[in-house]
Amino acid sequence: GAGLGVDDFAPRLSFFFVARTTLLEEI
Protein backbone atom coordinates (compact mmCIF):
# COMPACT_ATOMS: atom_id res chain seq x y z
CA GLY A 1 0.00 0.00 0.00
CA ALA A 2 2.98 2.32 0.53
CA GLY A 3 4.11 1.67 -3.03
CA LEU A 4 6.74 -1.04 -2.52
CA GLY A 5 6.93 -4.05 -4.80
CA VAL A 6 6.51 -7.35 -2.99
CA ASP A 7 9.82 -8.73 -4.23
CA ASP A 8 11.59 -5.52 -3.17
CA PHE A 9 11.03 -6.13 0.54
CA ALA A 10 9.70 -9.67 1.12
CA PRO A 11 13.12 -11.41 0.80
CA ARG A 12 14.22 -9.55 3.96
CA LEU A 13 11.21 -10.57 6.07
CA SER A 14 12.04 -12.97 8.86
CA PHE A 15 10.12 -14.64 11.67
CA PHE A 16 10.66 -15.51 15.33
CA PHE A 17 9.13 -18.55 17.01
CA VAL A 18 9.33 -20.49 20.25
CA ALA A 19 10.51 -24.06 20.69
CA ARG A 20 8.71 -26.05 23.41
CA THR A 21 9.45 -29.43 24.95
CA THR A 22 6.68 -31.08 22.88
CA LEU A 23 9.27 -32.06 20.30
CA LEU A 24 7.15 -33.81 17.66
CA GLU A 25 4.45 -31.13 17.50
CA GLU A 26 7.10 -28.40 17.32
CA ILE A 27 8.81 -30.05 14.36
PDB file of all heavy atoms in Angstrom:
ATOM      1  N   GLY A   1       0.806  -1.219   0.000  1.00  0.00           N
ATOM      2  CA  GLY A   1       0.000   0.000   0.000  1.00  0.00           C
ATOM      3  C   GLY A   1       0.834   1.261   0.000  1.00  0.00           C
ATOM      4  O   GLY A   1       0.391   2.322  -0.473  1.00  0.00           O
ATOM      5  N   ALA A   2       2.075   1.168   0.526  1.00  0.00           N
ATOM      6  CA  ALA A   2       2.981   2.320   0.534  1.00  0.00           C
ATOM      7  C   ALA A   2       3.764   2.445  -0.762  1.00  0.00           C
ATOM      8  O   ALA A   2       4.607   3.338  -0.896  1.00  0.00           O
ATOM      9  CB  ALA A   2       3.946   2.216   1.718  1.00  0.00           C
ATOM     10  N   GLY A   3       3.482   1.560  -1.721  1.00  0.00           N
ATOM     11  CA  GLY A   3       4.107   1.667  -3.030  1.00  0.00           C
ATOM     12  C   GLY A   3       5.297   0.757  -3.262  1.00  0.00           C
ATOM     13  O   GLY A   3       5.949   0.851  -4.315  1.00  0.00           O
ATOM     14  N   LEU A   4       5.608  -0.135  -2.339  1.00  0.00           N
ATOM     15  CA  LEU A   4       6.739  -1.038  -2.517  1.00  0.00           C
ATOM     16  C   LEU A   4       6.306  -2.285  -3.282  1.00  0.00           C
ATOM     17  O   LEU A   4       5.196  -2.780  -3.104  1.00  0.00           O
ATOM     18  CB  LEU A   4       7.312  -1.448  -1.159  1.00  0.00           C
ATOM     19  CG  LEU A   4       7.879  -0.336  -0.273  1.00  0.00           C
ATOM     20  CD1 LEU A   4       8.293  -0.908   1.078  1.00  0.00           C
ATOM     21  CD2 LEU A   4       9.053   0.350  -0.937  1.00  0.00           C
ATOM     22  N   GLY A   5       7.191  -2.786  -4.116  1.00  0.00           N
ATOM     23  CA  GLY A   5       6.932  -4.047  -4.796  1.00  0.00           C
ATOM     24  C   GLY A   5       7.207  -5.216  -3.863  1.00  0.00           C
ATOM     25  O   GLY A   5       8.150  -5.179  -3.070  1.00  0.00           O
ATOM     26  N   VAL A   6       6.396  -6.254  -3.947  1.00  0.00           N
ATOM     27  CA  VAL A   6       6.506  -7.348  -2.990  1.00  0.00           C
ATOM     28  C   VAL A   6       7.900  -7.960  -2.997  1.00  0.00           C
ATOM     29  O   VAL A   6       8.465  -8.280  -1.941  1.00  0.00           O
ATOM     30  CB  VAL A   6       5.413  -8.417  -3.225  1.00  0.00           C
ATOM     31  CG1 VAL A   6       5.592  -9.113  -4.572  1.00  0.00           C
ATOM     32  CG2 VAL A   6       5.418  -9.438  -2.090  1.00  0.00           C
ATOM     33  N   ASP A   7       8.498  -8.117  -4.175  1.00  0.00           N
ATOM     34  CA  ASP A   7       9.821  -8.730  -4.234  1.00  0.00           C
ATOM     35  C   ASP A   7      10.943  -7.761  -3.867  1.00  0.00           C
ATOM     36  O   ASP A   7      12.107  -8.164  -3.804  1.00  0.00           O
ATOM     37  CB  ASP A   7      10.065  -9.313  -5.627  1.00  0.00           C
ATOM     38  CG  ASP A   7       9.243 -10.573  -5.882  1.00  0.00           C
ATOM     39  OD1 ASP A   7       9.072 -11.358  -4.930  1.00  0.00           O
ATOM     40  OD2 ASP A   7       8.763 -10.756  -7.009  1.00  0.00           O
ATOM     41  N   ASP A   8      10.595  -6.483  -3.625  1.00  0.00           N
ATOM     42  CA  ASP A   8      11.594  -5.517  -3.166  1.00  0.00           C
ATOM     43  C   ASP A   8      11.854  -5.634  -1.671  1.00  0.00           C
ATOM     44  O   ASP A   8      12.943  -5.299  -1.199  1.00  0.00           O
ATOM     45  CB  ASP A   8      11.143  -4.082  -3.484  1.00  0.00           C
ATOM     46  CG  ASP A   8      11.178  -3.773  -4.968  1.00  0.00           C
ATOM     47  OD1 ASP A   8      11.931  -4.462  -5.690  1.00  0.00           O
ATOM     48  OD2 ASP A   8      10.455  -2.860  -5.400  1.00  0.00           O
ATOM     49  N   PHE A   9      10.853  -6.082  -0.906  1.00  0.00           N
ATOM     50  CA  PHE A   9      11.027  -6.134   0.544  1.00  0.00           C
ATOM     51  C   PHE A   9      10.841  -7.530   1.142  1.00  0.00           C
ATOM     52  O   PHE A   9      11.420  -7.845   2.183  1.00  0.00           O
ATOM     53  CB  PHE A   9      10.060  -5.164   1.255  1.00  0.00           C
ATOM     54  CG  PHE A   9       8.613  -5.519   1.124  1.00  0.00           C
ATOM     55  CD1 PHE A   9       7.998  -6.384   2.020  1.00  0.00           C
ATOM     56  CD2 PHE A   9       7.846  -4.999   0.093  1.00  0.00           C
ATOM     57  CE1 PHE A   9       6.663  -6.717   1.894  1.00  0.00           C
ATOM     58  CE2 PHE A   9       6.515  -5.330  -0.050  1.00  0.00           C
ATOM     59  CZ  PHE A   9       5.914  -6.193   0.863  1.00  0.00           C
ATOM     60  N   ALA A  10      10.036  -8.375   0.514  1.00  0.00           N
ATOM     61  CA  ALA A  10       9.704  -9.667   1.117  1.00  0.00           C
ATOM     62  C   ALA A  10      10.913 -10.577   1.344  1.00  0.00           C
ATOM     63  O   ALA A  10      10.921 -11.340   2.327  1.00  0.00           O
ATOM     64  CB  ALA A  10       8.656 -10.387   0.277  1.00  0.00           C
ATOM     65  N   PRO A  11      11.972 -10.542   0.507  1.00  0.00           N
ATOM     66  CA  PRO A  11      13.123 -11.407   0.803  1.00  0.00           C
ATOM     67  C   PRO A  11      13.809 -11.107   2.123  1.00  0.00           C
ATOM     68  O   PRO A  11      14.540 -11.945   2.646  1.00  0.00           O
ATOM     69  CB  PRO A  11      14.072 -11.131  -0.384  1.00  0.00           C
ATOM     70  CG  PRO A  11      13.172 -10.721  -1.500  1.00  0.00           C
ATOM     71  CD  PRO A  11      12.098  -9.907  -0.837  1.00  0.00           C
ATOM     72  N   ARG A  12      13.580  -9.904   2.687  1.00  0.00           N
ATOM     73  CA  ARG A  12      14.224  -9.553   3.960  1.00  0.00           C
ATOM     74  C   ARG A  12      13.286  -9.727   5.151  1.00  0.00           C
ATOM     75  O   ARG A  12      13.650  -9.382   6.280  1.00  0.00           O
ATOM     76  CB  ARG A  12      14.740  -8.104   3.925  1.00  0.00           C
ATOM     77  CG  ARG A  12      15.712  -7.795   2.811  1.00  0.00           C
ATOM     78  CD  ARG A  12      16.774  -8.850   2.611  1.00  0.00           C
ATOM     79  NE  ARG A  12      17.550  -9.190   3.793  1.00  0.00           N
ATOM     80  CZ  ARG A  12      18.431 -10.170   3.847  1.00  0.00           C
ATOM     81  NH1 ARG A  12      18.638 -10.942   2.788  1.00  0.00           N
ATOM     82  NH2 ARG A  12      19.111 -10.407   4.942  1.00  0.00           N
ATOM     83  N   LEU A  13      12.099 -10.255   4.943  1.00  0.00           N
ATOM     84  CA  LEU A  13      11.214 -10.570   6.067  1.00  0.00           C
ATOM     85  C   LEU A  13      11.747 -11.808   6.783  1.00  0.00           C
ATOM     86  O   LEU A  13      12.217 -12.749   6.160  1.00  0.00           O
ATOM     87  CB  LEU A  13       9.785 -10.841   5.580  1.00  0.00           C
ATOM     88  CG  LEU A  13       9.070  -9.731   4.811  1.00  0.00           C
ATOM     89  CD1 LEU A  13       7.666 -10.190   4.422  1.00  0.00           C
ATOM     90  CD2 LEU A  13       9.011  -8.448   5.621  1.00  0.00           C
ATOM     91  N   SER A  14      11.663 -11.789   8.093  1.00  0.00           N
ATOM     92  CA  SER A  14      12.038 -12.975   8.864  1.00  0.00           C
ATOM     93  C   SER A  14      11.028 -13.152   9.988  1.00  0.00           C
ATOM     94  O   SER A  14      10.206 -12.266  10.252  1.00  0.00           O
ATOM     95  CB  SER A  14      13.456 -12.844   9.423  1.00  0.00           C
ATOM     96  OG  SER A  14      13.531 -11.772  10.347  1.00  0.00           O
ATOM     97  N   PHE A  15      11.096 -14.294  10.645  1.00  0.00           N
ATOM     98  CA  PHE A  15      10.116 -14.636  11.672  1.00  0.00           C
ATOM     99  C   PHE A  15      10.839 -15.113  12.941  1.00  0.00           C
ATOM    100  O   PHE A  15      12.032 -15.420  12.919  1.00  0.00           O
ATOM    101  CB  PHE A  15       9.162 -15.717  11.162  1.00  0.00           C
ATOM    102  CG  PHE A  15       8.255 -15.245  10.063  1.00  0.00           C
ATOM    103  CD1 PHE A  15       8.708 -15.142   8.749  1.00  0.00           C
ATOM    104  CD2 PHE A  15       6.939 -14.883  10.332  1.00  0.00           C
ATOM    105  CE1 PHE A  15       7.874 -14.689   7.731  1.00  0.00           C
ATOM    106  CE2 PHE A  15       6.101 -14.425   9.320  1.00  0.00           C
ATOM    107  CZ  PHE A  15       6.574 -14.328   8.023  1.00  0.00           C
ATOM    108  N   PHE A  16      10.095 -15.165  14.021  1.00  0.00           N
ATOM    109  CA  PHE A  16      10.662 -15.512  15.333  1.00  0.00           C
ATOM    110  C   PHE A  16       9.646 -16.366  16.081  1.00  0.00           C
ATOM    111  O   PHE A  16       8.542 -15.916  16.369  1.00  0.00           O
ATOM    112  CB  PHE A  16      10.963 -14.218  16.093  1.00  0.00           C
ATOM    113  CG  PHE A  16      11.470 -14.382  17.492  1.00  0.00           C
ATOM    114  CD1 PHE A  16      12.102 -15.547  17.928  1.00  0.00           C
ATOM    115  CD2 PHE A  16      11.335 -13.342  18.407  1.00  0.00           C
ATOM    116  CE1 PHE A  16      12.569 -15.675  19.220  1.00  0.00           C
ATOM    117  CE2 PHE A  16      11.802 -13.459  19.711  1.00  0.00           C
ATOM    118  CZ  PHE A  16      12.425 -14.622  20.115  1.00  0.00           C
ATOM    119  N   PHE A  17      10.040 -17.617  16.369  1.00  0.00           N
ATOM    120  CA  PHE A  17       9.126 -18.547  17.010  1.00  0.00           C
ATOM    121  C   PHE A  17       9.748 -19.148  18.277  1.00  0.00           C
ATOM    122  O   PHE A  17      10.946 -19.045  18.518  1.00  0.00           O
ATOM    123  CB  PHE A  17       8.752 -19.675  16.046  1.00  0.00           C
ATOM    124  CG  PHE A  17       8.019 -19.211  14.820  1.00  0.00           C
ATOM    125  CD1 PHE A  17       8.531 -19.446  13.549  1.00  0.00           C
ATOM    126  CD2 PHE A  17       6.813 -18.527  14.920  1.00  0.00           C
ATOM    127  CE1 PHE A  17       7.856 -19.019  12.409  1.00  0.00           C
ATOM    128  CE2 PHE A  17       6.132 -18.091  13.797  1.00  0.00           C
ATOM    129  CZ  PHE A  17       6.657 -18.338  12.535  1.00  0.00           C
ATOM    130  N   VAL A  18       8.898 -19.797  19.044  1.00  0.00           N
ATOM    131  CA  VAL A  18       9.334 -20.492  20.245  1.00  0.00           C
ATOM    132  C   VAL A  18       9.583 -21.958  19.917  1.00  0.00           C
ATOM    133  O   VAL A  18       9.064 -22.485  18.920  1.00  0.00           O
ATOM    134  CB  VAL A  18       8.260 -20.367  21.353  1.00  0.00           C
ATOM    135  CG1 VAL A  18       7.090 -21.326  21.097  1.00  0.00           C
ATOM    136  CG2 VAL A  18       8.840 -20.612  22.744  1.00  0.00           C
ATOM    137  N   ALA A  19      10.386 -22.609  20.747  1.00  0.00           N
ATOM    138  CA  ALA A  19      10.512 -24.064  20.694  1.00  0.00           C
ATOM    139  C   ALA A  19      10.181 -24.608  22.081  1.00  0.00           C
ATOM    140  O   ALA A  19      10.812 -24.241  23.066  1.00  0.00           O
ATOM    141  CB  ALA A  19      11.917 -24.485  20.285  1.00  0.00           C
ATOM    142  N   ARG A  20       9.168 -25.461  22.151  1.00  0.00           N
ATOM    143  CA  ARG A  20       8.710 -26.049  23.409  1.00  0.00           C
ATOM    144  C   ARG A  20       9.299 -27.447  23.582  1.00  0.00           C
ATOM    145  O   ARG A  20       9.974 -27.970  22.691  1.00  0.00           O
ATOM    146  CB  ARG A  20       7.177 -26.136  23.417  1.00  0.00           C
ATOM    147  CG  ARG A  20       6.445 -24.798  23.233  1.00  0.00           C
ATOM    148  CD  ARG A  20       4.968 -25.052  22.990  1.00  0.00           C
ATOM    149  NE  ARG A  20       4.173 -23.844  22.832  1.00  0.00           N
ATOM    150  CZ  ARG A  20       4.055 -23.147  21.695  1.00  0.00           C
ATOM    151  NH1 ARG A  20       4.708 -23.544  20.609  1.00  0.00           N
ATOM    152  NH2 ARG A  20       3.294 -22.070  21.638  1.00  0.00           N
ATOM    153  N   THR A  21       8.978 -28.073  24.698  1.00  0.00           N
ATOM    154  CA  THR A  21       9.455 -29.433  24.955  1.00  0.00           C
ATOM    155  C   THR A  21       8.649 -30.493  24.214  1.00  0.00           C
ATOM    156  O   THR A  21       9.054 -31.650  24.168  1.00  0.00           O
ATOM    157  CB  THR A  21       9.419 -29.742  26.464  1.00  0.00           C
ATOM    158  OG1 THR A  21       8.119 -29.454  26.969  1.00  0.00           O
ATOM    159  CG2 THR A  21      10.449 -28.926  27.212  1.00  0.00           C
ATOM    160  N   THR A  22       7.485 -30.128  23.650  1.00  0.00           N
ATOM    161  CA  THR A  22       6.678 -31.076  22.875  1.00  0.00           C
ATOM    162  C   THR A  22       7.315 -31.222  21.494  1.00  0.00           C
ATOM    163  O   THR A  22       6.848 -30.648  20.507  1.00  0.00           O
ATOM    164  CB  THR A  22       5.225 -30.581  22.776  1.00  0.00           C
ATOM    165  OG1 THR A  22       5.226 -29.182  22.451  1.00  0.00           O
ATOM    166  CG2 THR A  22       4.502 -30.779  24.092  1.00  0.00           C
ATOM    167  N   LEU A  23       8.347 -32.019  21.438  1.00  0.00           N
ATOM    168  CA  LEU A  23       9.267 -32.055  20.300  1.00  0.00           C
ATOM    169  C   LEU A  23       8.583 -32.366  18.971  1.00  0.00           C
ATOM    170  O   LEU A  23       8.801 -31.684  17.965  1.00  0.00           O
ATOM    171  CB  LEU A  23      10.374 -33.074  20.599  1.00  0.00           C
ATOM    172  CG  LEU A  23      11.522 -33.158  19.592  1.00  0.00           C
ATOM    173  CD1 LEU A  23      12.847 -33.359  20.324  1.00  0.00           C
ATOM    174  CD2 LEU A  23      11.315 -34.341  18.652  1.00  0.00           C
ATOM    175  N   LEU A  24       7.744 -33.398  18.928  1.00  0.00           N
ATOM    176  CA  LEU A  24       7.145 -33.808  17.659  1.00  0.00           C
ATOM    177  C   LEU A  24       6.203 -32.739  17.107  1.00  0.00           C
ATOM    178  O   LEU A  24       6.227 -32.427  15.904  1.00  0.00           O
ATOM    179  CB  LEU A  24       6.410 -35.134  17.829  1.00  0.00           C
ATOM    180  CG  LEU A  24       7.280 -36.335  18.234  1.00  0.00           C
ATOM    181  CD1 LEU A  24       6.419 -37.585  18.347  1.00  0.00           C
ATOM    182  CD2 LEU A  24       8.417 -36.551  17.249  1.00  0.00           C
ATOM    183  N   GLU A  25       5.365 -32.167  17.969  1.00  0.00           N
ATOM    184  CA  GLU A  25       4.450 -31.129  17.497  1.00  0.00           C
ATOM    185  C   GLU A  25       5.224 -29.898  17.034  1.00  0.00           C
ATOM    186  O   GLU A  25       4.831 -29.252  16.057  1.00  0.00           O
ATOM    187  CB  GLU A  25       3.449 -30.744  18.581  1.00  0.00           C
ATOM    188  CG  GLU A  25       2.423 -29.718  18.096  1.00  0.00           C
ATOM    189  CD  GLU A  25       1.377 -29.352  19.130  1.00  0.00           C
ATOM    190  OE1 GLU A  25       1.523 -29.779  20.299  1.00  0.00           O
ATOM    191  OE2 GLU A  25       0.414 -28.655  18.778  1.00  0.00           O
ATOM    192  N   GLU A  26       6.315 -29.576  17.712  1.00  0.00           N
ATOM    193  CA  GLU A  26       7.100 -28.400  17.318  1.00  0.00           C
ATOM    194  C   GLU A  26       7.722 -28.596  15.939  1.00  0.00           C
ATOM    195  O   GLU A  26       7.720 -27.684  15.109  1.00  0.00           O
ATOM    196  CB  GLU A  26       8.174 -28.111  18.364  1.00  0.00           C
ATOM    197  CG  GLU A  26       7.625 -27.637  19.692  1.00  0.00           C
ATOM    198  CD  GLU A  26       6.896 -26.314  19.576  1.00  0.00           C
ATOM    199  OE1 GLU A  26       7.540 -25.277  19.385  1.00  0.00           O
ATOM    200  OE2 GLU A  26       5.642 -26.325  19.650  1.00  0.00           O
ATOM    201  N   ILE A  27       8.255 -29.781  15.686  1.00  0.00           N
ATOM    202  CA  ILE A  27       8.815 -30.053  14.356  1.00  0.00           C
ATOM    203  C   ILE A  27       7.740 -29.882  13.289  1.00  0.00           C
ATOM    204  O   ILE A  27       7.954 -29.228  12.250  1.00  0.00           O
ATOM    205  CB  ILE A  27       9.402 -31.476  14.303  1.00  0.00           C
ATOM    206  CG1 ILE A  27      10.589 -31.601  15.261  1.00  0.00           C
ATOM    207  CG2 ILE A  27       9.818 -31.839  12.878  1.00  0.00           C
ATOM    208  CD1 ILE A  27      11.064 -33.029  15.463  1.00  0.00           C
TER     209      ILE A  27
END
